[in-house]
Amino acid sequence: MANPLPLTDADGEVRELTSDDFKNASTFSELPESLQNVLRGRGKQQAPTKVSTTVRFDADVIAAFRATGSGWQTRMNDALKEWLKEHSLI
């Protein structure tokens, strides 16, 4: 693995990357496996349980769910599931 170059100038200011920086950069496969795993993130699901689709909702409905903060899409999904149970569709 190539030695990392300082990304700051003599004054400690962040400098622009040069073509030499890119020539000396390590490829992803040269990184330690532990770092590759962190950078990969979650990865592909083994058995996807959700289906991506496009649905149009009224703006006030979306605003109300978004106002509940992070995880609003999951809560919206749960609300739809509950409605289906109450209406004997599943």
PDB file of N, CA and C in Angstrom:
ATOM      1  N   MET A   1       0.849  -1.181   0.000  1.00  0.00           N
ATOM      2  CA  MET A   1       0.000   0.000   0.000  1.00  0.00           C
ATOM      3  C   MET A   1       0.885   1.232   0.000  1.00  0.00           C
ATOM      4  N   ALA A   2       0.554   2.213  -0.820  1.00  0.00           N
ATOM      5  CA  ALA A   2       1.349   3.433  -0.931  1.00  0.00           C
ATOM      6  C   ALA A   2       1.255   4.237   0.356  1.00  0.00           C
ATOM      7  N   ASN A   3       2.313   4.993   0.634  1.00  0.00           N
ATOM      8  CA  ASN A   3       2.302   5.852   1.815  1.00  0.00           C
ATOM      9  C   ASN A   3       1.372   7.025   1.577  1.00  0.00           C
ATOM     10  N   PRO A   4       0.548   7.347   2.556  1.00  0.00           N
ATOM     11  CA  PRO A   4      -0.351   8.484   2.364  1.00  0.00           C
ATOM     12  C   PRO A   4       0.436   9.786   2.331  1.00  0.00           C
ATOM     13  N   LEU A   5       0.052  10.685   1.464  1.00  0.00           N
ATOM     14  CA  LEU A   5       0.690  11.993   1.384  1.00  0.00           C
ATOM     15  C   LEU A   5      -0.065  12.967   2.263  1.00  0.00           C
ATOM     16  N   PRO A   6       0.660  13.947   2.830  1.00  0.00           N
ATOM     17  CA  PRO A   6      -0.065  14.939   3.638  1.00  0.00           C
ATOM     18  C   PRO A   6      -1.008  15.740   2.742  1.00  0.00           C
ATOM     19  N   LEU A   7      -2.192  15.960   3.213  1.00  0.00           N
ATOM     20  CA  LEU A   7      -3.182  16.711   2.434  1.00  0.00           C
ATOM     21  C   LEU A   7      -3.297  18.148   2.925  1.00  0.00           C
ATOM     22  N   THR A   8      -2.255  18.593   3.640  1.00  0.00           N
ATOM     23  CA  THR A   8      -2.218  19.980   4.109  1.00  0.00           C
ATOM     24  C   THR A   8      -0.910  20.609   3.654  1.00  0.00           C
ATOM     25  N   ASP A   9      -0.910  21.932   3.530  1.00  0.00           N
ATOM     26  CA  ASP A   9       0.317  22.629   3.152  1.00  0.00           C
ATOM     27  C   ASP A   9       1.111  22.948   4.416  1.00  0.00           C
ATOM     28  N   ALA A  10       2.203  23.708   4.262  1.00  0.00           N
ATOM     29  CA  ALA A  10       3.083  24.025   5.390  1.00  0.00           C
ATOM     30  C   ALA A  10       2.357  24.790   6.492  1.00  0.00           C
ATOM     31  N   ASP A  11       1.315  25.529   6.148  1.00  0.00           N
ATOM     32  CA  ASP A  11       0.555  26.302   7.138  1.00  0.00           C
ATOM     33  C   ASP A  11      -0.562  25.490   7.784  1.00  0.00           C
ATOM     34  N   GLY A  12      -0.691  24.228   7.387  1.00  0.00           N
ATOM     35  CA  GLY A  12      -1.746  23.400   7.949  1.00  0.00           C
ATOM     36  C   GLY A  12      -3.072  23.530   7.225  1.00  0.00           C
ATOM     37  N   GLU A  13      -3.089  24.296   6.130  1.00  0.00           N
ATOM     38  CA  GLU A  13      -4.304  24.461   5.341  1.00  0.00           C
ATOM     39  C   GLU A  13      -4.482  23.253   4.428  1.00  0.00           C
ATOM     40  N   VAL A  14      -5.724  22.838   4.248  1.00  0.00           N
ATOM     41  CA  VAL A  14      -6.011  21.736   3.336  1.00  0.00           C
ATOM     42  C   VAL A  14      -5.656  22.176   1.924  1.00  0.00           C
ATOM     43  N   ARG A  15      -4.919  21.330   1.210  1.00  0.00           N
ATOM     44  CA  ARG A  15      -4.500  21.674  -0.139  1.00  0.00           C
ATOM     45  C   ARG A  15      -5.294  20.871  -1.158  1.00  0.00           C
ATOM     46  N   GLU A  16      -5.276  21.318  -2.401  1.00  0.00           N
ATOM     47  CA  GLU A  16      -5.946  20.586  -3.472  1.00  0.00           C
ATOM     48  C   GLU A  16      -5.158  19.323  -3.785  1.00  0.00           C
ATOM     49  N   LEU A  17      -5.871  18.279  -4.179  1.00  0.00           N
ATOM     50  CA  LEU A  17      -5.207  17.059  -4.606  1.00  0.00           C
ATOM     51  C   LEU A  17      -4.578  17.285  -5.965  1.00  0.00           C
ATOM     52  N   THR A  18      -3.419  16.675  -6.164  1.00  0.00           N
ATOM     53  CA  THR A  18      -2.710  16.812  -7.434  1.00  0.00           C
ATOM     54  C   THR A  18      -2.765  15.496  -8.196  1.00  0.00           C
ATOM     55  N   SER A  19      -2.311  15.529  -9.431  1.00  0.00           N
ATOM     56  CA  SER A  19      -2.267  14.289 -10.217  1.00  0.00           C
ATOM     57  C   SER A  19      -1.326  13.289  -9.565  1.00  0.00           C
ATOM     58  N   ASP A  20      -0.265  13.764  -8.897  1.00  0.00           N
ATOM     59  CA  ASP A  20       0.643  12.850  -8.184  1.00  0.00           C
ATOM     60  C   ASP A  20      -0.080  12.145  -7.037  1.00  0.00           C
ATOM     61  N   ASP A  21      -0.979  12.861  -6.352  1.00  0.00           N
ATOM     62  CA  ASP A  21      -1.751  12.232  -5.281  1.00  0.00           C
ATOM     63  C   ASP A  21      -2.540  11.048  -5.827  1.00  0.00           C
ATOM     64  N   PHE A  22      -3.151  11.243  -6.988  1.00  0.00           N
ATOM     65  CA  PHE A  22      -3.951  10.170  -7.570  1.00  0.00           C
ATOM     66  C   PHE A  22      -3.086   9.031  -8.080  1.00  0.00           C
ATOM     67  N   LYS A  23      -1.898   9.353  -8.617  1.00  0.00           N
ATOM     68  CA  LYS A  23      -0.978   8.310  -9.083  1.00  0.00           C
ATOM     69  C   LYS A  23      -0.496   7.441  -7.924  1.00  0.00           C
ATOM     70  N   ASN A  24      -0.313   8.057  -6.759  1.00  0.00           N
ATOM     71  CA  ASN A  24       0.218   7.343  -5.597  1.00  0.00           C
ATOM     72  C   ASN A  24      -0.862   6.746  -4.703  1.00  0.00           C
ATOM     73  N   ALA A  25      -2.103   6.941  -5.060  1.00  0.00           N
ATOM     74  CA  ALA A  25      -3.214   6.453  -4.232  1.00  0.00           C
ATOM     75  C   ALA A  25      -3.313   4.931  -4.294  1.00  0.00           C
ATOM     76  N   SER A  26      -3.803   4.352  -3.213  1.00  0.00           N
ATOM     77  CA  SER A  26      -4.040   2.908  -3.171  1.00  0.00           C
ATOM     78  C   SER A  26      -5.391   2.599  -3.793  1.00  0.00           C
ATOM     79  N   THR A  27      -5.484   1.445  -4.398  1.00  0.00           N
ATOM     80  CA  THR A  27      -6.781   1.007  -4.900  1.00  0.00           C
ATOM     81  C   THR A  27      -7.575   0.424  -3.738  1.00  0.00           C
ATOM     82  N   PHE A  28      -8.863   0.308  -3.925  1.00  0.00           N
ATOM     83  CA  PHE A  28      -9.727  -0.230  -2.876  1.00  0.00           C
ATOM     84  C   PHE A  28      -9.264  -1.621  -2.453  1.00  0.00           C
ATOM     85  N   SER A  29      -8.890  -2.447  -3.429  1.00  0.00           N
ATOM     86  CA  SER A  29      -8.486  -3.825  -3.113  1.00  0.00           C
ATOM     87  C   SER A  29      -7.164  -3.890  -2.354  1.00  0.00           C
ATOM     88  N   GLU A  30      -6.384  -2.807  -2.359  1.00  0.00           N
ATOM     89  CA  GLU A  30      -5.125  -2.773  -1.610  1.00  0.00           C
ATOM     90  C   GLU A  30      -5.326  -2.416  -0.142  1.00  0.00           C
ATOM     91  N   LEU A  31      -6.494  -1.927   0.196  1.00  0.00           N
ATOM     92  CA  LEU A  31      -6.781  -1.575   1.585  1.00  0.00           C
ATOM     93  C   LEU A  31      -6.922  -2.833   2.418  1.00  0.00           C
ATOM     94  N   PRO A  32      -6.640  -2.753   3.726  1.00  0.00           N
ATOM     95  CA  PRO A  32      -6.859  -3.920   4.589  1.00  0.00           C
ATOM     96  C   PRO A  32      -8.330  -4.341   4.530  1.00  0.00           C
ATOM     97  N   GLU A  33      -8.568  -5.636   4.622  1.00  0.00           N
ATOM     98  CA  GLU A  33      -9.940  -6.153   4.506  1.00  0.00           C
ATOM     99  C   GLU A  33     -10.871  -5.536   5.540  1.00  0.00           C
ATOM    100  N   SER A  34     -10.351  -5.302   6.746  1.00  0.00           N
ATOM    101  CA  SER A  34     -11.199  -4.708   7.790  1.00  0.00           C
ATOM    102  C   SER A  34     -11.677  -3.314   7.383  1.00  0.00           C
ATOM    103  N   LEU A  35     -10.827  -2.546   6.720  1.00  0.00           N
ATOM    104  CA  LEU A  35     -11.218  -1.219   6.267  1.00  0.00           C
ATOM    105  C   LEU A  35     -12.159  -1.317   5.068  1.00  0.00           C
ATOM    106  N   GLN A  36     -11.926  -2.275   4.198  1.00  0.00           N
ATOM    107  CA  GLN A  36     -12.828  -2.475   3.063  1.00  0.00           C
ATOM    108  C   GLN A  36     -14.239  -2.770   3.561  1.00  0.00           C
ATOM    109  N   ASN A  37     -14.352  -3.595   4.599  1.00  0.00           N
ATOM    110  CA  ASN A  37     -15.666  -3.945   5.139  1.00  0.00           C
ATOM    111  C   ASN A  37     -16.379  -2.720   5.694  1.00  0.00           C
ATOM    112  N   VAL A  38     -15.644  -1.838   6.340  1.00  0.00           N
ATOM    113  CA  VAL A  38     -16.242  -0.621   6.895  1.00  0.00           C
ATOM    114  C   VAL A  38     -16.698   0.293   5.765  1.00  0.00           C
ATOM    115  N   LEU A  39     -15.874   0.435   4.742  1.00  0.00           N
ATOM    116  CA  LEU A  39     -16.192   1.340   3.648  1.00  0.00           C
ATOM    117  C   LEU A  39     -17.312   0.816   2.761  1.00  0.00           C
ATOM    118  N   ARG A  40     -17.496  -0.495   2.730  1.00  0.00           N
ATOM    119  CA  ARG A  40     -18.559  -1.070   1.908  1.00  0.00           C
ATOM    120  C   ARG A  40     -19.937  -0.733   2.453  1.00  0.00           C
ATOM    121  N   GLY A  41     -20.024  -0.511   3.744  1.00  0.00           N
ATOM    122  CA  GLY A  41     -21.324  -0.217   4.341  1.00  0.00           C
ATOM    123  C   GLY A  41     -22.128  -1.482   4.568  1.00  0.00           C
ATOM    124  N   ARG A  42     -23.405  -1.344   4.456  1.00  0.00           N
ATOM    125  CA  ARG A  42     -24.321  -2.431   4.782  1.00  0.00           C
ATOM    126  C   ARG A  42     -24.193  -3.611   3.830  1.00  0.00           C
ATOM    127  N   GLY A  43     -23.976  -3.326   2.569  1.00  0.00           N
ATOM    128  CA  GLY A  43     -23.865  -4.403   1.598  1.00  0.00           C
ATOM    129  C   GLY A  43     -25.221  -4.849   1.089  1.00  0.00           C
ATOM    130  N   LYS A  44     -25.184  -5.765   0.148  1.00  0.00           N
ATOM    131  CA  LYS A  44     -26.413  -6.255  -0.463  1.00  0.00           C
ATOM    132  C   LYS A  44     -27.156  -7.168   0.500  1.00  0.00           C
ATOM    133  N   GLN A  45     -28.468  -7.028   0.542  1.00  0.00           N
ATOM    134  CA  GLN A  45     -29.277  -7.885   1.410  1.00  0.00           C
ATOM    135  C   GLN A  45     -29.235  -9.314   0.895  1.00  0.00           C
ATOM    136  N   GLN A  46     -29.166 -10.259   1.822  1.00  0.00           N
ATOM    137  CA  GLN A  46     -29.165 -11.663   1.448  1.00  0.00           C
ATOM    138  C   GLN A  46     -30.508 -12.066   0.840  1.00  0.00           C
ATOM    139  N   ALA A  47     -31.579 -11.638   1.464  1.00  0.00           N
ATOM    140  CA  ALA A  47     -32.926 -11.959   0.977  1.00  0.00           C
ATOM    141  C   ALA A  47     -33.769 -10.692   1.097  1.00  0.00           C
ATOM    142  N   PRO A  48     -33.770  -9.859   0.067  1.00  0.00           N
ATOM    143  CA  PRO A  48     -34.529  -8.602   0.158  1.00  0.00           C
ATOM    144  C   PRO A  48     -35.991  -8.855   0.528  1.00  0.00           C
ATOM    145  N   THR A  49     -36.476  -8.075   1.472  1.00  0.00           N
ATOM    146  CA  THR A  49     -37.850  -8.231   1.924  1.00  0.00           C
ATOM    147  C   THR A  49     -38.727  -7.066   1.468  1.00  0.00           C
ATOM    148  N   LYS A  50     -38.106  -6.058   0.874  1.00  0.00           N
ATOM    149  CA  LYS A  50     -38.855  -4.882   0.443  1.00  0.00           C
ATOM    150  C   LYS A  50     -38.772  -4.751  -1.070  1.00  0.00           C
ATOM    151  N   VAL A  51     -39.737  -4.051  -1.625  1.00  0.00           N
ATOM    152  CA  VAL A  51     -39.804  -3.814  -3.068  1.00  0.00           C
ATOM    153  C   VAL A  51     -39.761  -2.309  -3.291  1.00  0.00           C
ATOM    154  N   SER A  52     -38.863  -1.870  -4.150  1.00  0.00           N
ATOM    155  CA  SER A  52     -38.786  -0.452  -4.481  1.00  0.00           C
ATOM    156  C   SER A  52     -39.891  -0.113  -5.475  1.00  0.00           C
ATOM    157  N   THR A  53     -40.583   0.995  -5.208  1.00  0.00           N
ATOM    158  CA  THR A  53     -41.671   1.418  -6.077  1.00  0.00           C
ATOM    159  C   THR A  53     -41.806   2.931  -6.014  1.00  0.00           C
ATOM    160  N   THR A  54     -42.622   3.477  -6.854  1.00  0.00           N
ATOM    161  CA  THR A  54     -42.935   4.900  -6.807  1.00  0.00           C
ATOM    162  C   THR A  54     -44.416   5.036  -6.498  1.00  0.00           C
ATOM    163  N   VAL A  55     -44.713   5.785  -5.443  1.00  0.00           N
ATOM    164  CA  VAL A  55     -46.096   5.993  -5.014  1.00  0.00           C
ATOM    165  C   VAL A  55     -46.274   7.482  -4.770  1.00  0.00           C
ATOM    166  N   ARG A  56     -47.435   8.002  -5.101  1.00  0.00           N
ATOM    167  CA  ARG A  56     -47.714   9.415  -4.884  1.00  0.00           C
ATOM    168  C   ARG A  56     -48.689   9.563  -3.717  1.00  0.00           C
ATOM    169  N   PHE A  57     -48.280  10.349  -2.719  1.00  0.00           N
ATOM    170  CA  PHE A  57     -49.114  10.630  -1.553  1.00  0.00           C
ATOM    171  C   PHE A  57     -49.368  12.131  -1.488  1.00  0.00           C
ATOM    172  N   ASP A  58     -50.429  12.515  -0.798  1.00  0.00           N
ATOM    173  CA  ASP A  58     -50.689  13.934  -0.568  1.00  0.00           C
ATOM    174  C   ASP A  58     -49.528  14.527   0.231  1.00  0.00           C
ATOM    175  N   ALA A  59     -49.209  15.779  -0.067  1.00  0.00           N
ATOM    176  CA  ALA A  59     -48.081  16.452   0.588  1.00  0.00           C
ATOM    177  C   ALA A  59     -48.242  16.493   2.104  1.00  0.00           C
ATOM    178  N   ASP A  60     -49.481  16.695   2.589  1.00  0.00           N
ATOM    179  CA  ASP A  60     -49.682  16.781   4.040  1.00  0.00           C
ATOM    180  C   ASP A  60     -49.447  15.428   4.720  1.00  0.00           C
ATOM    181  N   VAL A  61     -49.726  14.329   4.020  1.00  0.00           N
ATOM    182  CA  VAL A  61     -49.480  12.998   4.586  1.00  0.00           C
ATOM    183  C   VAL A  61     -47.977  12.782   4.746  1.00  0.00           C
ATOM    184  N   ILE A  62     -47.221  13.081   3.692  1.00  0.00           N
ATOM    185  CA  ILE A  62     -45.767  12.933   3.754  1.00  0.00           C
ATOM    186  C   ILE A  62     -45.181  13.856   4.815  1.00  0.00           C
ATOM    187  N   ALA A  63     -45.652  15.089   4.865  1.00  0.00           N
ATOM    188  CA  ALA A  63     -45.148  16.056   5.856  1.00  0.00           C
ATOM    189  C   ALA A  63     -45.381  15.556   7.276  1.00  0.00           C
ATOM    190  N   ALA A  64     -46.549  14.968   7.519  1.00  0.00           N
ATOM    191  CA  ALA A  64     -46.862  14.478   8.865  1.00  0.00           C
ATOM    192  C   ALA A  64     -45.922  13.342   9.264  1.00  0.00           C
ATOM    193  N   PHE A  65     -45.664  12.414   8.347  1.00  0.00           N
ATOM    194  CA  PHE A  65     -44.752  11.316   8.675  1.00  0.00           C
ATOM    195  C   PHE A  65     -43.318  11.810   8.804  1.00  0.00           C
ATOM    196  N   ARG A  66     -42.886  12.688   7.910  1.00  0.00           N
ATOM    197  CA  ARG A  66     -41.519  13.226   7.993  1.00  0.00           C
ATOM    198  C   ARG A  66     -41.301  13.991   9.291  1.00  0.00           C
ATOM    199  N   ALA A  67     -42.341  14.647   9.763  1.00  0.00           N
ATOM    200  CA  ALA A  67     -42.239  15.426  10.999  1.00  0.00           C
ATOM    201  C   ALA A  67     -41.946  14.546  12.207  1.00  0.00           C
ATOM    202  N   THR A  68     -42.172  13.246  12.079  1.00  0.00           N
ATOM    203  CA  THR A  68     -41.898  12.339  13.194  1.00  0.00           C
ATOM    204  C   THR A  68     -40.421  11.975  13.282  1.00  0.00           C
ATOM    205  N   GLY A  69     -39.612  12.440  12.322  1.00  0.00           N
ATOM    206  CA  GLY A  69     -38.168  12.249  12.388  1.00  0.00           C
ATOM    207  C   GLY A  69     -37.682  11.013  11.653  1.00  0.00           C
ATOM    208  N   SER A  70     -36.432  10.681  11.939  1.00  0.00           N
ATOM    209  CA  SER A  70     -35.784   9.540  11.296  1.00  0.00           C
ATOM    210  C   SER A  70     -36.608   8.271  11.477  1.00  0.00           C
ATOM    211  N   GLY A  71     -36.704   7.483  10.433  1.00  0.00           N
ATOM    212  CA  GLY A  71     -37.488   6.260  10.482  1.00  0.00           C
ATOM    213  C   GLY A  71     -38.928   6.444  10.037  1.00  0.00           C
ATOM    214  N   TRP A  72     -39.234   7.619   9.485  1.00  0.00           N
ATOM    215  CA  TRP A  72     -40.628   7.912   9.109  1.00  0.00           C
ATOM    216  C   TRP A  72     -41.139   6.960   8.042  1.00  0.00           C
ATOM    217  N   GLN A  73     -40.281   6.506   7.143  1.00  0.00           N
ATOM    218  CA  GLN A  73     -40.746   5.591   6.099  1.00  0.00           C
ATOM    219  C   GLN A  73     -41.136   4.238   6.692  1.00  0.00           C
ATOM    220  N   THR A  74     -40.388   3.797   7.679  1.00  0.00           N
ATOM    221  CA  THR A  74     -40.727   2.546   8.366  1.00  0.00           C
ATOM    222  C   THR A  74     -42.054   2.687   9.088  1.00  0.00           C
ATOM    223  N   ARG A  75     -42.258   3.831   9.759  1.00  0.00           N
ATOM    224  CA  ARG A  75     -43.530   4.062  10.452  1.00  0.00           C
ATOM    225  C   ARG A  75     -44.690   4.139   9.461  1.00  0.00           C
ATOM    226  N   MET A  76     -44.452   4.714   8.292  1.00  0.00           N
ATOM    227  CA  MET A  76     -45.494   4.780   7.283  1.00  0.00           C
ATOM    228  C   MET A  76     -45.828   3.373   6.792  1.00  0.00           C
ATOM    229  N   ASN A  77     -44.818   2.549   6.584  1.00  0.00           N
ATOM    230  CA  ASN A  77     -45.018   1.162   6.177  1.00  0.00           C
ATOM    231  C   ASN A  77     -45.824   0.407   7.244  1.00  0.00           C
ATOM    232  N   ASP A  78     -45.457   0.617   8.510  1.00  0.00           N
ATOM    233  CA  ASP A  78     -46.176  -0.042   9.603  1.00  0.00           C
ATOM    234  C   ASP A  78     -47.632   0.398   9.666  1.00  0.00           C
ATOM    235  N   ALA A  79     -47.882   1.692   9.425  1.00  0.00           N
ATOM    236  CA  ALA A  79     -49.255   2.201   9.443  1.00  0.00           C
ATOM    237  C   ALA A  79     -50.082   1.565   8.325  1.00  0.00           C
ATOM    238  N   LEU A  80     -49.474   1.407   7.165  1.00  0.00           N
ATOM    239  CA  LEU A  80     -50.180   0.766   6.052  1.00  0.00           C
ATOM    240  C   LEU A  80     -50.454  -0.709   6.353  1.00  0.00           C
ATOM    241  N   LYS A  81     -49.509  -1.387   6.986  1.00  0.00           N
ATOM    242  CA  LYS A  81     -49.718  -2.786   7.373  1.00  0.00           C
ATOM    243  C   LYS A  81     -50.881  -2.903   8.357  1.00  0.00           C
ATOM    244  N   GLU A  82     -50.907  -1.996   9.325  1.00  0.00           N
ATOM    245  CA  GLU A  82     -51.985  -2.009  10.325  1.00  0.00           C
ATOM    246  C   GLU A  82     -53.334  -1.782   9.654  1.00  0.00           C
ATOM    247  N   TRP A  83     -53.399  -0.853   8.715  1.00  0.00           N
ATOM    248  CA  TRP A  83     -54.643  -0.600   7.997  1.00  0.00           C
ATOM    249  C   TRP A  83     -55.091  -1.863   7.258  1.00  0.00           C
ATOM    250  N   LEU A  84     -54.136  -2.552   6.621  1.00  0.00           N
ATOM    251  CA  LEU A  84     -54.479  -3.780   5.899  1.00  0.00           C
ATOM    252  C   LEU A  84     -55.025  -4.854   6.837  1.00  0.00           C
ATOM    253  N   LYS A  85     -54.441  -4.973   8.029  1.00  0.00           N
ATOM    254  CA  LYS A  85     -54.938  -5.968   9.000  1.00  0.00           C
ATOM    255  C   LYS A  85     -56.365  -5.649   9.412  1.00  0.00           C
ATOM    256  N   GLU A  86     -56.627  -4.381   9.660  1.00  0.00           N
ATOM    257  CA  GLU A  86     -57.967  -3.973  10.095  1.00  0.00           C
ATOM    258  C   GLU A  86     -59.008  -4.106   9.002  1.00  0.00           C
ATOM    259  N   HIS A  87     -58.568  -4.145   7.770  1.00  0.00           N
ATOM    260  CA  HIS A  87     -59.490  -4.235   6.649  1.00  0.00           C
ATOM    261  C   HIS A  87     -59.448  -5.606   5.962  1.00  0.00           C
ATOM    262  N   SER A  88     -58.917  -6.591   6.668  1.00  0.00           N
ATOM    263  CA  SER A  88     -58.933  -7.998   6.248  1.00  0.00           C
ATOM    264  C   SER A  88     -58.351  -8.253   4.848  1.00  0.00           C
ATOM    265  N   LEU A  89     -57.325  -7.512   4.495  1.00  0.00           N
ATOM    266  CA  LEU A  89     -56.715  -7.739   3.197  1.00  0.00           C
ATOM    267  C   LEU A  89     -55.480  -8.647   3.294  1.00  0.00           C
ATOM    268  N   ILE A  90     -54.927  -8.786   4.518  1.00  0.00           N
ATOM    269  CA  ILE A  90     -53.810  -9.722   4.721  1.00  0.00           C
ATOM    270  C   ILE A  90     -54.058 -10.557   5.957  1.00  0.00           C
TER     271      ILE A  90
END
